[in-house]
C-alpha atoms as a PDB file:
ATOM      1  CA  UNK A   1      23.749   8.429 -16.872  1.00  0.00           C
ATOM      2  CA  UNK A   2      27.175   9.897 -15.663  1.00  0.00           C
ATOM      3  CA  UNK A   3      28.975   7.178 -16.390  1.00  0.00           C
ATOM      4  CA  UNK A   4      27.290   6.671 -19.589  1.00  0.00           C
ATOM      5  CA  UNK A   5      28.431  10.560 -20.704  1.00  0.00           C
ATOM      6  CA  UNK A   6      31.562  10.200 -19.397  1.00  0.00           C
ATOM      7  CA  UNK A   7      32.430   7.416 -21.623  1.00  0.00           C
ATOM      8  CA  UNK A   8      31.132   9.164 -24.692  1.00  0.00           C
ATOM      9  CA  UNK A   9      32.954  12.155 -24.281  1.00  0.00           C
ATOM     10  CA  UNK A  10      36.207  10.906 -22.632  1.00  0.00           C
ATOM     11  CA  UNK A  11      36.509   7.970 -24.615  1.00  0.00           C
ATOM     12  CA  UNK A  12      34.824   8.190 -27.987  1.00  0.00           C
ATOM     13  CA  UNK A  13      34.746  11.921 -28.770  1.00  0.00           C
ATOM     14  CA  UNK A  14      37.886  12.996 -27.056  1.00  0.00           C
ATOM     15  CA  UNK A  15      40.161   9.647 -28.026  1.00  0.00           C
ATOM     16  CA  UNK A  16      41.924   8.531 -24.440  1.00  0.00           C
ATOM     17  CA  UNK A  17      41.896   5.163 -23.244  1.00  0.00           C
ATOM     18  CA  UNK A  18      42.498   4.013 -19.520  1.00  0.00           C
ATOM     19  CA  UNK A  19      44.654   1.345 -18.824  1.00  0.00           C
ATOM     20  CA  UNK A  20      44.202  -0.748 -15.587  1.00  0.00           C
ATOM     21  CA  UNK A  21      42.213   0.570 -12.005  1.00  0.00           C
ATOM     22  CA  UNK A  22      42.358   0.214  -8.516  1.00  0.00           C
ATOM     23  CA  UNK A  23      42.040  -3.412  -7.400  1.00  0.00           C
ATOM     24  CA  UNK A  24      38.483  -3.331  -5.540  1.00  0.00           C
ATOM     25  CA  UNK A  25      40.393  -4.648  -2.376  1.00  0.00           C
ATOM     26  CA  UNK A  26      42.039  -1.496  -2.209  1.00  0.00           C
ATOM     27  CA  UNK A  27      39.483   0.468  -0.162  1.00  0.00           C
ATOM     28  CA  UNK A  28      42.259   3.195   1.424  1.00  0.00           C
ATOM     29  CA  UNK A  29      45.066   4.510  -0.876  1.00  0.00           C
ATOM     30  CA  UNK A  30      46.809   7.444  -1.848  1.00  0.00           C
ATOM     31  CA  UNK A  31      46.447   8.361  -5.754  1.00  0.00           C
ATOM     32  CA  UNK A  32      49.322   9.831  -6.816  1.00  0.00           C
ATOM     33  CA  UNK A  33      48.935  11.485 -10.189  1.00  0.00           C
ATOM     34  CA  UNK A  34      51.588  12.886 -12.281  1.00  0.00           C
ATOM     35  CA  UNK A  35      52.628  15.103 -14.445  1.00  0.00           C
ATOM     36  CA  UNK A  36      50.712  17.858 -13.263  1.00  0.00           C
ATOM     37  CA  UNK A  37      51.079  20.524 -15.744  1.00  0.00           C
ATOM     38  CA  UNK A  38      47.943  21.985 -16.296  1.00  0.00           C
ATOM     39  CA  UNK A  39      44.356  22.901 -14.858  1.00  0.00           C
ATOM     40  CA  UNK A  40      43.109  19.731 -17.473  1.00  0.00           C
ATOM     41  CA  UNK A  41      44.465  17.128 -15.045  1.00  0.00           C
ATOM     42  CA  UNK A  42      41.372  18.045 -12.926  1.00  0.00           C
ATOM     43  CA  UNK A  43      38.692  17.250 -15.373  1.00  0.00           C
ATOM     44  CA  UNK A  44      40.617  14.303 -16.573  1.00  0.00           C
ATOM     45  CA  UNK A  45      40.815  12.750 -13.027  1.00  0.00           C
ATOM     46  CA  UNK A  46      37.217  13.803 -12.659  1.00  0.00           C
ATOM     47  CA  UNK A  47      36.104  12.074 -15.803  1.00  0.00           C
ATOM     48  CA  UNK A  48      37.807   8.552 -14.907  1.00  0.00           C
ATOM     49  CA  UNK A  49      36.440   7.964 -11.876  1.00  0.00           C
ATOM     50  CA  UNK A  50      32.486   7.538 -12.797  1.00  0.00           C
ATOM     51  CA  UNK A  51      33.984   5.418 -15.919  1.00  0.00           C
ATOM     52  CA  UNK A  52      35.785   3.153 -13.439  1.00  0.00           C
ATOM     53  CA  UNK A  53      33.373   3.070 -10.870  1.00  0.00           C
ATOM     54  CA  UNK A  54      35.930   4.478  -8.635  1.00  0.00           C
ATOM     55  CA  UNK A  55      34.903   7.113  -5.635  1.00  0.00           C
ATOM     56  CA  UNK A  56      38.055   9.194  -4.559  1.00  0.00           C
ATOM     57  CA  UNK A  57      38.682  12.404  -2.864  1.00  0.00           C
ATOM     58  CA  UNK A  58      40.899  15.269  -3.060  1.00  0.00           C
ATOM     59  CA  UNK A  59      42.008  18.074  -0.917  1.00  0.00           C
ATOM     60  CA  UNK A  60      40.417  21.666  -1.023  1.00  0.00           C
ATOM     61  CA  UNK A  61      41.333  24.643   0.682  1.00  0.00           C
ATOM     62  CA  UNK A  62      38.527  25.253   3.598  1.00  0.00           C
ATOM     63  CA  UNK A  63      38.111  28.455   1.950  1.00  0.00           C
ATOM     64  CA  UNK A  64      36.545  27.143  -0.632  1.00  0.00           C
ATOM     65  CA  UNK A  65      33.822  25.732   1.293  1.00  0.00           C
ATOM     66  CA  UNK A  66      32.849  29.208   2.638  1.00  0.00           C
ATOM     67  CA  UNK A  67      29.754  29.516  -0.169  1.00  0.00           C
ATOM     68  CA  UNK A  68      27.084  26.571   0.127  1.00  0.00           C
ATOM     69  CA  UNK A  69      26.566  26.357  -3.496  1.00  0.00           C
ATOM     70  CA  UNK A  70      30.241  26.068  -4.257  1.00  0.00           C
ATOM     71  CA  UNK A  71      30.829  23.466  -1.219  1.00  0.00           C
ATOM     72  CA  UNK A  72      28.239  21.303  -2.105  1.00  0.00           C
ATOM     73  CA  UNK A  73      29.412  21.337  -5.499  1.00  0.00           C
ATOM     74  CA  UNK A  74      33.322  20.385  -4.535  1.00  0.00           C
ATOM     75  CA  UNK A  75      32.207  18.211  -1.609  1.00  0.00           C
ATOM     76  CA  UNK A  76      29.634  16.052  -4.125  1.00  0.00           C
ATOM     77  CA  UNK A  77      33.161  15.353  -6.406  1.00  0.00           C
ATOM     78  CA  UNK A  78      35.294  14.143  -3.252  1.00  0.00           C
ATOM     79  CA  UNK A  79      36.626  17.415  -2.017  1.00  0.00           C
ATOM     80  CA  UNK A  80      37.823  17.476   1.668  1.00  0.00           C
ATOM     81  CA  UNK A  81      38.219  20.782   3.737  1.00  0.00           C
ATOM     82  CA  UNK A  82      41.292  21.258   4.902  1.00  0.00           C
ATOM     83  CA  UNK A  83      43.176  23.967   6.985  1.00  0.00           C
ATOM     84  CA  UNK A  84      46.549  24.522   5.723  1.00  0.00           C
ATOM     85  CA  UNK A  85      46.691  28.431   6.582  1.00  0.00           C
ATOM     86  CA  UNK A  86      47.032  27.654  10.467  1.00  0.00           C
ATOM     87  CA  UNK A  87      50.083  26.918  12.164  1.00  0.00           C
ATOM     88  CA  UNK A  88      48.757  25.058  14.753  1.00  0.00           C
ATOM     89  CA  UNK A  89      47.111  22.965  12.289  1.00  0.00           C
ATOM     90  CA  UNK A  90      48.483  19.220  11.122  1.00  0.00           C
ATOM     91  CA  UNK A  91      47.466  18.691   7.605  1.00  0.00           C
ATOM     92  CA  UNK A  92      48.608  15.118   7.629  1.00  0.00           C
ATOM     93  CA  UNK A  93      46.747  14.406  10.920  1.00  0.00           C
ATOM     94  CA  UNK A  94      43.494  16.253   9.431  1.00  0.00           C
ATOM     95  CA  UNK A  95      44.031  13.647   6.382  1.00  0.00           C
ATOM     96  CA  UNK A  96      44.870  10.826   8.760  1.00  0.00           C
ATOM     97  CA  UNK A  97      41.479  11.515  10.640  1.00  0.00           C
ATOM     98  CA  UNK A  98      39.510  11.229   8.148  1.00  0.00           C
ATOM     99  CA  UNK A  99      41.625   8.115   6.807  1.00  0.00           C
ATOM    100  CA  UNK A 100      40.249   6.528   9.838  1.00  0.00           C
ATOM    101  CA  UNK A 101      36.888   7.822  10.319  1.00  0.00           C
ATOM    102  CA  UNK A 102      36.078   6.377   6.605  1.00  0.00           C
ATOM    103  CA  UNK A 103      35.360   2.890   5.157  1.00  0.00           C
ATOM    104  CA  UNK A 104      36.539   3.708   1.802  1.00  0.00           C
ATOM    105  CA  UNK A 105      39.182   6.247   1.111  1.00  0.00           C
ATOM    106  CA  UNK A 106      41.113   7.134  -1.878  1.00  0.00           C
ATOM    107  CA  UNK A 107      43.086  10.499  -1.905  1.00  0.00           C
ATOM    108  CA  UNK A 108      44.258  11.453  -5.184  1.00  0.00           C
ATOM    109  CA  UNK A 109      47.202  14.161  -4.821  1.00  0.00           C
ATOM    110  CA  UNK A 110      49.622  15.585  -7.408  1.00  0.00           C
ATOM    111  CA  UNK A 111      53.259  15.143  -5.623  1.00  0.00           C
ATOM    112  CA  UNK A 112      54.233  18.517  -7.493  1.00  0.00           C
ATOM    113  CA  UNK A 113      51.957  20.558  -5.799  1.00  0.00           C
ATOM    114  CA  UNK A 114      51.663  23.065  -8.748  1.00  0.00           C
ATOM    115  CA  UNK A 115      51.221  23.185 -12.505  1.00  0.00           C
ATOM    116  CA  UNK A 116      54.782  24.642 -12.548  1.00  0.00           C
ATOM    117  CA  UNK A 117      58.092  22.746 -13.340  1.00  0.00           C
ATOM    118  CA  UNK A 118      59.782  21.771  -9.897  1.00  0.00           C
ATOM    119  CA  UNK A 119      62.842  20.391  -9.178  1.00  0.00           C
ATOM    120  CA  UNK A 120      61.980  18.435  -6.048  1.00  0.00           C
ATOM    121  CA  UNK A 121      57.872  16.722  -5.114  1.00  0.00           C
ATOM    122  CA  UNK A 122      55.880  17.825  -2.166  1.00  0.00           C
ATOM    123  CA  UNK A 123      56.486  14.857   0.354  1.00  0.00           C
ATOM    124  CA  UNK A 124      52.914  15.058   1.842  1.00  0.00           C
ATOM    125  CA  UNK A 125      51.291  12.560  -0.154  1.00  0.00           C
ATOM    126  CA  UNK A 126      54.098   9.995   1.017  1.00  0.00           C
ATOM    127  CA  UNK A 127      53.652  11.207   4.671  1.00  0.00           C
ATOM    128  CA  UNK A 128      50.224  10.785   4.286  1.00  0.00           C
ATOM    129  CA  UNK A 129      50.668   7.157   3.020  1.00  0.00           C
ATOM    130  CA  UNK A 130      52.846   5.886   5.983  1.00  0.00           C
ATOM    131  CA  UNK A 131      50.812   7.772   8.542  1.00  0.00           C
ATOM    132  CA  UNK A 132      47.672   5.996   7.575  1.00  0.00           C
ATOM    133  CA  UNK A 133      49.265   2.794   6.681  1.00  0.00           C
ATOM    134  CA  UNK A 134      47.893   2.775   3.471  1.00  0.00           C
ATOM    135  CA  UNK A 135      49.668   1.872  -0.260  1.00  0.00           C
ATOM    136  CA  UNK A 136      50.441   4.547  -2.789  1.00  0.00           C
ATOM    137  CA  UNK A 137      48.590   4.074  -6.149  1.00  0.00           C
ATOM    138  CA  UNK A 138      50.881   5.403  -9.040  1.00  0.00           C
ATOM    139  CA  UNK A 139      48.793   6.693 -11.732  1.00  0.00           C
ATOM    140  CA  UNK A 140      49.814   8.962 -14.867  1.00  0.00           C
ATOM    141  CA  UNK A 141      48.464  11.224 -16.999  1.00  0.00           C
ATOM    142  CA  UNK A 142      49.895  10.882 -20.848  1.00  0.00           C
ATOM    143  CA  UNK A 143      48.669  13.369 -23.093  1.00  0.00           C
ATOM    144  CA  UNK A 144      50.883  12.366 -25.730  1.00  0.00           C
ATOM    145  CA  UNK A 145      49.068   8.790 -25.913  1.00  0.00           C
ATOM    146  CA  UNK A 146      46.054  10.275 -24.297  1.00  0.00           C
ATOM    147  CA  UNK A 147      46.532   7.553 -21.897  1.00  0.00           C
ATOM    148  CA  UNK A 148      45.696   7.283 -18.244  1.00  0.00           C
ATOM    149  CA  UNK A 149      47.344   4.304 -16.402  1.00  0.00           C
ATOM    150  CA  UNK A 150      46.935   2.711 -13.233  1.00  0.00           C
ATOM    151  CA  UNK A 151      50.652   2.029 -13.262  1.00  0.00           C
ATOM    152  CA  UNK A 152      51.104   0.080 -10.004  1.00  0.00           C
ATOM    153  CA  UNK A 153      49.978  -0.444  -6.631  1.00  0.00           C
ATOM    154  CA  UNK A 154      52.922   0.657  -4.082  1.00  0.00           C
ATOM    155  CA  UNK A 155      53.295  -0.382  -0.287  1.00  0.00           C
ATOM    156  CA  UNK A 156      55.762   2.407   1.021  1.00  0.00           C
ATOM    157  CA  UNK A 157      58.877   0.896   2.916  1.00  0.00           C
ATOM    158  CA  UNK A 158      59.427   4.128   4.946  1.00  0.00           C
ATOM    159  CA  UNK A 159      62.357   5.136   3.443  1.00  0.00           C
ATOM    160  CA  UNK A 160      61.297   8.592   2.126  1.00  0.00           C
ATOM    161  CA  UNK A 161      64.235   9.278  -0.168  1.00  0.00           C
ATOM    162  CA  UNK A 162      64.242   5.847  -1.890  1.00  0.00           C
ATOM    163  CA  UNK A 163      60.659   5.448  -2.136  1.00  0.00           C
ATOM    164  CA  UNK A 164      60.045   9.210  -3.466  1.00  0.00           C
ATOM    165  CA  UNK A 165      62.653   8.495  -6.035  1.00  0.00           C
ATOM    166  CA  UNK A 166      61.196   5.141  -6.852  1.00  0.00           C
ATOM    167  CA  UNK A 167      57.872   6.497  -7.462  1.00  0.00           C
ATOM    168  CA  UNK A 168      59.131   9.736  -9.269  1.00  0.00           C
ATOM    169  CA  UNK A 169      60.742   7.561 -11.614  1.00  0.00           C
ATOM    170  CA  UNK A 170      57.688   5.951 -12.881  1.00  0.00           C
ATOM    171  CA  UNK A 171      56.918   9.065 -14.253  1.00  0.00           C
ATOM    172  CA  UNK A 172      59.750   9.756 -16.222  1.00  0.00           C
ATOM    173  CA  UNK A 173      59.037  10.342 -19.782  1.00  0.00           C
ATOM    174  CA  UNK A 174      55.356  10.595 -19.600  1.00  0.00           C
ATOM    175  CA  UNK A 175      54.490  13.964 -21.117  1.00  0.00           C
ATOM    176  CA  UNK A 176      51.934  15.811 -19.572  1.00  0.00           C
ATOM    177  CA  UNK A 177      49.726  18.693 -21.227  1.00  0.00           C
ATOM    178  CA  UNK A 178      52.725  20.638 -21.249  1.00  0.00           C
ATOM    179  CA  UNK A 179      55.671  18.218 -21.284  1.00  0.00           C
ATOM    180  CA  UNK A 180      58.313  20.701 -20.237  1.00  0.00           C
ATOM    181  CA  UNK A 181      57.035  21.155 -17.038  1.00  0.00           C
ATOM    182  CA  UNK A 182      56.826  17.441 -16.560  1.00  0.00           C
ATOM    183  CA  UNK A 183      59.262  15.099 -14.427  1.00  0.00           C
ATOM    184  CA  UNK A 184      62.698  14.504 -15.597  1.00  0.00           C
END
């Protein structure tokens, strides 16, 4: 039923299209989604999941889980509570632990770390992929074409600078909701 309504609203009424998917063989990966320029990106990601039968997760500050109803809803959507404020807590280790505990773990991350214009990307998505020994799936949200595209699956080499430059290059010219905030 959710898939039906997601297709009806997202594809038919709003006119978006989805190109590609994640291979069924890829049970664990880091999904890098860019450009991240709007709150709408979250809702697009949530709409794509049932259409593509894609189970995926995302990171949420543990404080969001204080309220049981909100915690239930966020966890049901795939939210994973992380402790970002504790200096003794290593975020990468927290996430890799979840990767190791689950049979299927696809983690969606926006590399900009914010909806604002940034010169440099955060490297957490890359460090998680390396530590968990999983591929990076490159996904773009093109608002001009109303297109979600699963661009490619990329195996990180361990050369952080070159690999991030390569992944980032796959988003150049892709307009987000607010194109002036996108990747260049």
